[in-house]
Amino acid sequence: MKYMLLIYGSQDVQPRTPEEGQRIMDEYWAYEKAVADAGVRIASDALQGVETATTVEVRDDGERVVTDGPFAETREVLGGYYLLDVPDLDAALDWAARCPGAQHGSRIEVRPIMEYEQS
């Protein structure tokens, strides 16, 4: 089964020192290697900051409205994701708990992927 692990954290929290930032990145590199070595990683990426976001809305009259910035103002932002193929929710939760984001003031939202068959 495929699960998306969404990494949410506060946009206000930054590493206190360059060494702390490097330690956290090293934890992510080790996690990236672990999910790849286990054969469960389909994809993963970090996202650029919300200040780089562009939001698109198409109104009922067909007008396209493009806005610089995120859809909603919030202190907690989506920072990245892992898409994993694991046997069940328990396995997805185990991988989520091992993600460095779950240990540095962030949280991991685990959601199953909807899979459709094309007719």
Protein backbone atom coordinates (compact mmCIF):
# COMPACT_ATOMS: atom_id res chain seq x y z
CA MET A 1 0.00 0.00 0.00
CA LYS A 2 1.21 3.50 -0.75
CA TYR A 3 1.34 6.14 1.96
CA MET A 4 2.34 9.80 1.87
CA LEU A 5 4.29 11.02 4.87
CA LEU A 6 3.80 14.80 5.00
CA ILE A 7 6.33 16.69 7.12
CA TYR A 8 4.78 19.73 8.82
CA GLY A 9 6.77 22.14 10.97
CA SER A 10 6.87 25.69 12.17
CA GLN A 11 8.33 28.11 9.68
CA ASP A 12 9.73 30.11 12.61
CA VAL A 13 12.02 27.35 13.91
CA GLN A 14 15.54 27.43 12.54
CA PRO A 15 18.64 25.54 13.69
CA ARG A 16 20.48 27.51 16.37
CA THR A 17 23.90 26.87 14.86
CA PRO A 18 25.29 25.70 11.51
CA GLU A 19 26.46 22.53 13.29
CA GLU A 20 22.92 21.80 14.48
CA GLY A 21 21.63 22.37 10.95
CA GLN A 22 24.23 19.96 9.56
CA ARG A 23 23.38 17.34 12.20
CA ILE A 24 19.69 17.51 11.27
CA MET A 25 20.52 17.24 7.54
CA ASP A 26 22.73 14.23 8.28
CA GLU A 27 19.78 12.60 10.08
CA TYR A 28 17.62 13.19 6.99
CA TRP A 29 20.32 11.73 4.69
CA ALA A 30 20.49 8.63 6.92
CA TYR A 31 16.68 8.32 6.86
CA GLU A 32 16.66 8.76 3.08
CA LYS A 33 19.19 5.93 2.79
CA ALA A 34 17.18 3.73 5.18
CA VAL A 35 13.92 4.00 3.22
CA ALA A 36 15.78 3.48 -0.07
CA ASP A 37 17.73 0.47 1.26
CA ALA A 38 14.49 -1.04 2.60
CA GLY A 39 12.98 -0.74 -0.87
CA VAL A 40 9.94 1.23 0.32
CA ARG A 41 10.82 4.69 -1.04
CA ILE A 42 8.93 5.76 -4.16
CA ALA A 43 9.75 9.47 -3.95
CA SER A 44 10.77 12.17 -1.50
CA ASP A 45 11.56 15.85 -1.67
CA ALA A 46 11.98 18.89 0.50
CA LEU A 47 9.97 21.94 -0.51
CA GLN A 48 11.25 25.47 -0.82
CA GLY A 49 9.88 28.00 1.66
CA VAL A 50 6.31 29.26 1.56
CA GLU A 51 7.57 32.61 0.33
CA THR A 52 8.21 30.89 -3.04
CA ALA A 53 4.65 29.56 -3.32
CA THR A 54 2.18 30.63 -5.98
CA THR A 55 -1.51 29.86 -5.54
CA VAL A 56 -3.90 29.35 -8.45
CA GLU A 57 -7.69 29.49 -8.22
CA VAL A 58 -10.19 29.22 -11.07
CA ARG A 59 -13.42 30.98 -10.22
CA ASP A 60 -16.87 29.82 -11.28
CA ASP A 61 -16.82 32.27 -14.21
CA GLY A 62 -13.58 30.69 -15.48
CA GLU A 63 -11.34 33.57 -14.38
CA ARG A 64 -7.93 32.36 -13.27
CA VAL A 65 -6.60 34.16 -10.19
CA VAL A 66 -2.89 33.79 -9.44
CA THR A 67 -1.56 34.96 -6.07
CA ASP A 68 2.01 35.04 -4.85
CA GLY A 69 2.35 33.21 -1.57
CA PRO A 70 0.62 30.31 0.14
CA PHE A 71 -3.13 29.70 0.11
CA ALA A 72 -3.50 30.42 3.82
CA GLU A 73 -1.44 32.21 6.42
CA THR A 74 -0.25 29.71 8.96
CA ARG A 75 2.67 29.19 11.29
CA GLU A 76 2.91 25.51 10.38
CA VAL A 77 3.98 24.70 6.84
CA LEU A 78 4.43 21.63 4.66
CA GLY A 79 8.19 21.26 4.35
CA GLY A 80 8.52 18.02 2.46
CA TYR A 81 7.24 14.52 1.94
CA TYR A 82 8.07 10.85 1.53
CA LEU A 83 5.97 8.57 -0.65
CA LEU A 84 6.40 5.00 0.58
CA ASP A 85 5.10 1.62 -0.53
CA VAL A 86 4.70 -0.48 2.62
CA PRO A 87 2.52 -3.43 3.62
CA ASP A 88 0.12 -1.56 5.92
CA LEU A 89 -0.59 1.49 8.09
CA ASP A 90 1.45 0.10 10.99
CA ALA A 91 4.55 -0.05 8.77
CA ALA A 92 3.87 3.50 7.54
CA LEU A 93 3.56 4.72 11.13
CA ASP A 94 6.83 3.01 12.05
CA TRP A 95 8.61 4.80 9.18
CA ALA A 96 6.95 8.09 10.13
CA ALA A 97 8.19 7.76 13.71
CA ARG A 98 11.74 7.23 12.40
CA CYS A 99 11.62 10.38 10.24
CA PRO A 100 13.83 13.13 11.71
CA GLY A 101 10.99 15.63 11.31
CA ALA A 102 8.99 13.73 13.92
CA GLN A 103 11.81 14.38 16.40
CA HIS A 104 12.58 18.08 15.84
CA GLY A 105 9.37 19.88 16.73
CA SER A 106 7.62 18.92 13.52
CA ARG A 107 4.96 16.30 12.97
CA ILE A 108 4.36 13.73 10.28
CA GLU A 109 0.91 13.33 8.77
CA VAL A 110 0.44 9.82 7.31
CA ARG A 111 -2.15 9.46 4.57
CA PRO A 112 -2.97 6.53 2.29
CA ILE A 113 -2.84 7.18 -1.44
CA MET A 114 -6.07 6.80 -3.40
CA GLU A 115 -5.50 4.40 -6.24
CA TYR A 116 -7.92 4.36 -9.16
CA GLU A 117 -8.22 1.98 -12.04
CA GLN A 118 -8.70 3.71 -15.36
CA SER A 119 -11.71 2.35 -17.21
